[in-house]
Amino acid sequence: MYHDAENYTIIVELPGVHKKDIEFESMENGFCLTAPRDDITYRGCWALMIKTDPKKAKATFSNGLFKAVIPLAERVASVKVAIK
């Protein structure tokens, strides 16, 4: 999972999972992913530090790789800190 100035990008390997079984929910401050397969269910919810626009989230799944892109709701301004 990483973000740039415009989006959060989430990539999760889900071997043996079928696309039709994946559930992905996006909220302003996080997301939840559930993906069952025959012997195990991948499940988790994560909090995000930067507010997102869940209505514009997009998700894909191909060859066992889940990818979601969630636009940030506001631009992130950061300050580089000198390391001594």
C-alpha atoms as a PDB file:
ATOM      1  CA  MET A   1       0.000   0.000   0.000  1.00  0.00           C
ATOM      2  CA  TYR A   2       1.320   3.452  -0.860  1.00  0.00           C
ATOM      3  CA  HIS A   3       0.099   6.898  -1.817  1.00  0.00           C
ATOM      4  CA  ASP A   4       1.211   9.744  -3.988  1.00  0.00           C
ATOM      5  CA  ALA A   5      -0.173  13.282  -4.203  1.00  0.00           C
ATOM      6  CA  GLU A   6      -3.456  12.052  -5.749  1.00  0.00           C
ATOM      7  CA  ASN A   7      -4.245   8.419  -4.818  1.00  0.00           C
ATOM      8  CA  TYR A   8      -3.817   5.565  -2.397  1.00  0.00           C
ATOM      9  CA  THR A   9      -2.850   2.374  -4.234  1.00  0.00           C
ATOM     10  CA  ILE A  10      -3.460  -0.971  -2.550  1.00  0.00           C
ATOM     11  CA  ILE A  11      -2.059  -4.185  -4.013  1.00  0.00           C
ATOM     12  CA  VAL A  12      -2.754  -7.575  -2.419  1.00  0.00           C
ATOM     13  CA  GLU A  13      -1.764 -11.038  -3.631  1.00  0.00           C
ATOM     14  CA  LEU A  14      -4.765 -13.371  -3.334  1.00  0.00           C
ATOM     15  CA  PRO A  15      -3.715 -16.766  -4.733  1.00  0.00           C
ATOM     16  CA  GLY A  16      -6.523 -19.228  -5.336  1.00  0.00           C
ATOM     17  CA  VAL A  17      -9.285 -16.651  -4.861  1.00  0.00           C
ATOM     18  CA  HIS A  18     -12.031 -16.114  -7.442  1.00  0.00           C
ATOM     19  CA  LYS A  19     -12.872 -12.552  -8.468  1.00  0.00           C
ATOM     20  CA  LYS A  20     -16.597 -13.082  -7.793  1.00  0.00           C
ATOM     21  CA  ASP A  21     -15.863 -13.899  -4.124  1.00  0.00           C
ATOM     22  CA  ILE A  22     -13.879 -10.744  -3.297  1.00  0.00           C
ATOM     23  CA  GLU A  23     -15.564  -8.029  -1.247  1.00  0.00           C
ATOM     24  CA  PHE A  24     -13.910  -4.615  -1.057  1.00  0.00           C
ATOM     25  CA  GLU A  25     -15.364  -1.714   0.900  1.00  0.00           C
ATOM     26  CA  SER A  26     -13.854   1.753   0.828  1.00  0.00           C
ATOM     27  CA  MET A  27     -14.549   4.435   3.431  1.00  0.00           C
ATOM     28  CA  GLU A  28     -13.204   7.985   3.844  1.00  0.00           C
ATOM     29  CA  ASN A  29     -10.727   6.835   6.467  1.00  0.00           C
ATOM     30  CA  GLY A  30     -10.025   3.207   5.534  1.00  0.00           C
ATOM     31  CA  PHE A  31     -10.992   0.061   3.673  1.00  0.00           C
ATOM     32  CA  CYS A  32     -11.951  -3.567   4.283  1.00  0.00           C
ATOM     33  CA  LEU A  33     -11.131  -6.569   2.115  1.00  0.00           C
ATOM     34  CA  THR A  34     -12.553 -10.098   2.346  1.00  0.00           C
ATOM     35  CA  ALA A  35     -11.502 -12.844  -0.050  1.00  0.00           C
ATOM     36  CA  PRO A  36     -12.395 -16.481   0.692  1.00  0.00           C
ATOM     37  CA  ARG A  37     -10.864 -19.505  -0.971  1.00  0.00           C
ATOM     38  CA  ASP A  38     -11.333 -23.222  -0.261  1.00  0.00           C
ATOM     39  CA  ASP A  39      -9.052 -23.510   2.777  1.00  0.00           C
ATOM     40  CA  ILE A  40      -8.761 -19.967   4.178  1.00  0.00           C
ATOM     41  CA  THR A  41     -10.396 -16.546   4.146  1.00  0.00           C
ATOM     42  CA  TYR A  42      -8.244 -13.464   3.727  1.00  0.00           C
ATOM     43  CA  ARG A  43      -9.874 -10.720   5.765  1.00  0.00           C
ATOM     44  CA  GLY A  44      -8.839  -7.367   7.152  1.00  0.00           C
ATOM     45  CA  CYS A  45      -9.648  -3.712   7.632  1.00  0.00           C
ATOM     46  CA  TRP A  46      -7.062  -0.951   7.511  1.00  0.00           C
ATOM     47  CA  ALA A  47      -7.134   2.690   8.586  1.00  0.00           C
ATOM     48  CA  LEU A  48      -5.752   5.343   6.269  1.00  0.00           C
ATOM     49  CA  MET A  49      -4.065   8.484   7.546  1.00  0.00           C
ATOM     50  CA  ILE A  50      -5.306  10.668   4.703  1.00  0.00           C
ATOM     51  CA  LYS A  51      -8.994  11.181   3.914  1.00  0.00           C
ATOM     52  CA  THR A  52     -10.098   9.568   0.635  1.00  0.00           C
ATOM     53  CA  ASP A  53     -13.033   9.808  -1.773  1.00  0.00           C
ATOM     54  CA  PRO A  54     -14.493   6.271  -1.624  1.00  0.00           C
ATOM     55  CA  LYS A  55     -17.129   6.987  -4.286  1.00  0.00           C
ATOM     56  CA  LYS A  56     -14.355   7.276  -6.877  1.00  0.00           C
ATOM     57  CA  ALA A  57     -12.462   4.115  -5.844  1.00  0.00           C
ATOM     58  CA  LYS A  58     -11.640   1.600  -8.576  1.00  0.00           C
ATOM     59  CA  ALA A  59     -10.610  -2.035  -8.097  1.00  0.00           C
ATOM     60  CA  THR A  60      -9.323  -4.773 -10.399  1.00  0.00           C
ATOM     61  CA  PHE A  61      -8.359  -8.427  -9.986  1.00  0.00           C
ATOM     62  CA  SER A  62      -6.227 -10.373 -12.439  1.00  0.00           C
ATOM     63  CA  ASN A  63      -3.977 -13.437 -12.116  1.00  0.00           C
ATOM     64  CA  GLY A  64      -4.318 -13.541  -8.321  1.00  0.00           C
ATOM     65  CA  LEU A  65      -3.460  -9.856  -7.871  1.00  0.00           C
ATOM     66  CA  PHE A  66      -6.014  -7.441  -6.389  1.00  0.00           C
ATOM     67  CA  LYS A  67      -5.426  -3.728  -6.967  1.00  0.00           C
ATOM     68  CA  ALA A  68      -7.471  -0.780  -5.722  1.00  0.00           C
ATOM     69  CA  VAL A  69      -6.876   2.897  -6.415  1.00  0.00           C
ATOM     70  CA  ILE A  70      -8.668   5.352  -4.133  1.00  0.00           C
ATOM     71  CA  PRO A  71      -8.400   9.086  -4.853  1.00  0.00           C
ATOM     72  CA  LEU A  72      -7.402  11.356  -1.985  1.00  0.00           C
ATOM     73  CA  ALA A  73     -10.124  13.766  -0.885  1.00  0.00           C
ATOM     74  CA  GLU A  74      -7.636  16.588  -0.450  1.00  0.00           C
ATOM     75  CA  ARG A  75      -4.084  17.353  -1.508  1.00  0.00           C
ATOM     76  CA  VAL A  76      -1.385  16.322   0.893  1.00  0.00           C
ATOM     77  CA  ALA A  77       1.215  18.912   1.814  1.00  0.00           C
ATOM     78  CA  SER A  78       4.377  17.628   3.418  1.00  0.00           C
ATOM     79  CA  VAL A  79       7.575  19.118   4.733  1.00  0.00           C
ATOM     80  CA  LYS A  80      10.944  17.426   4.322  1.00  0.00           C
ATOM     81  CA  VAL A  81      12.739  17.083   7.614  1.00  0.00           C
ATOM     82  CA  ALA A  82      16.525  17.205   7.686  1.00  0.00           C
ATOM     83  CA  ILE A  83      18.136  14.114   9.201  1.00  0.00           C
ATOM     84  CA  LYS A  84      21.157  14.794  11.396  1.00  0.00           C
END
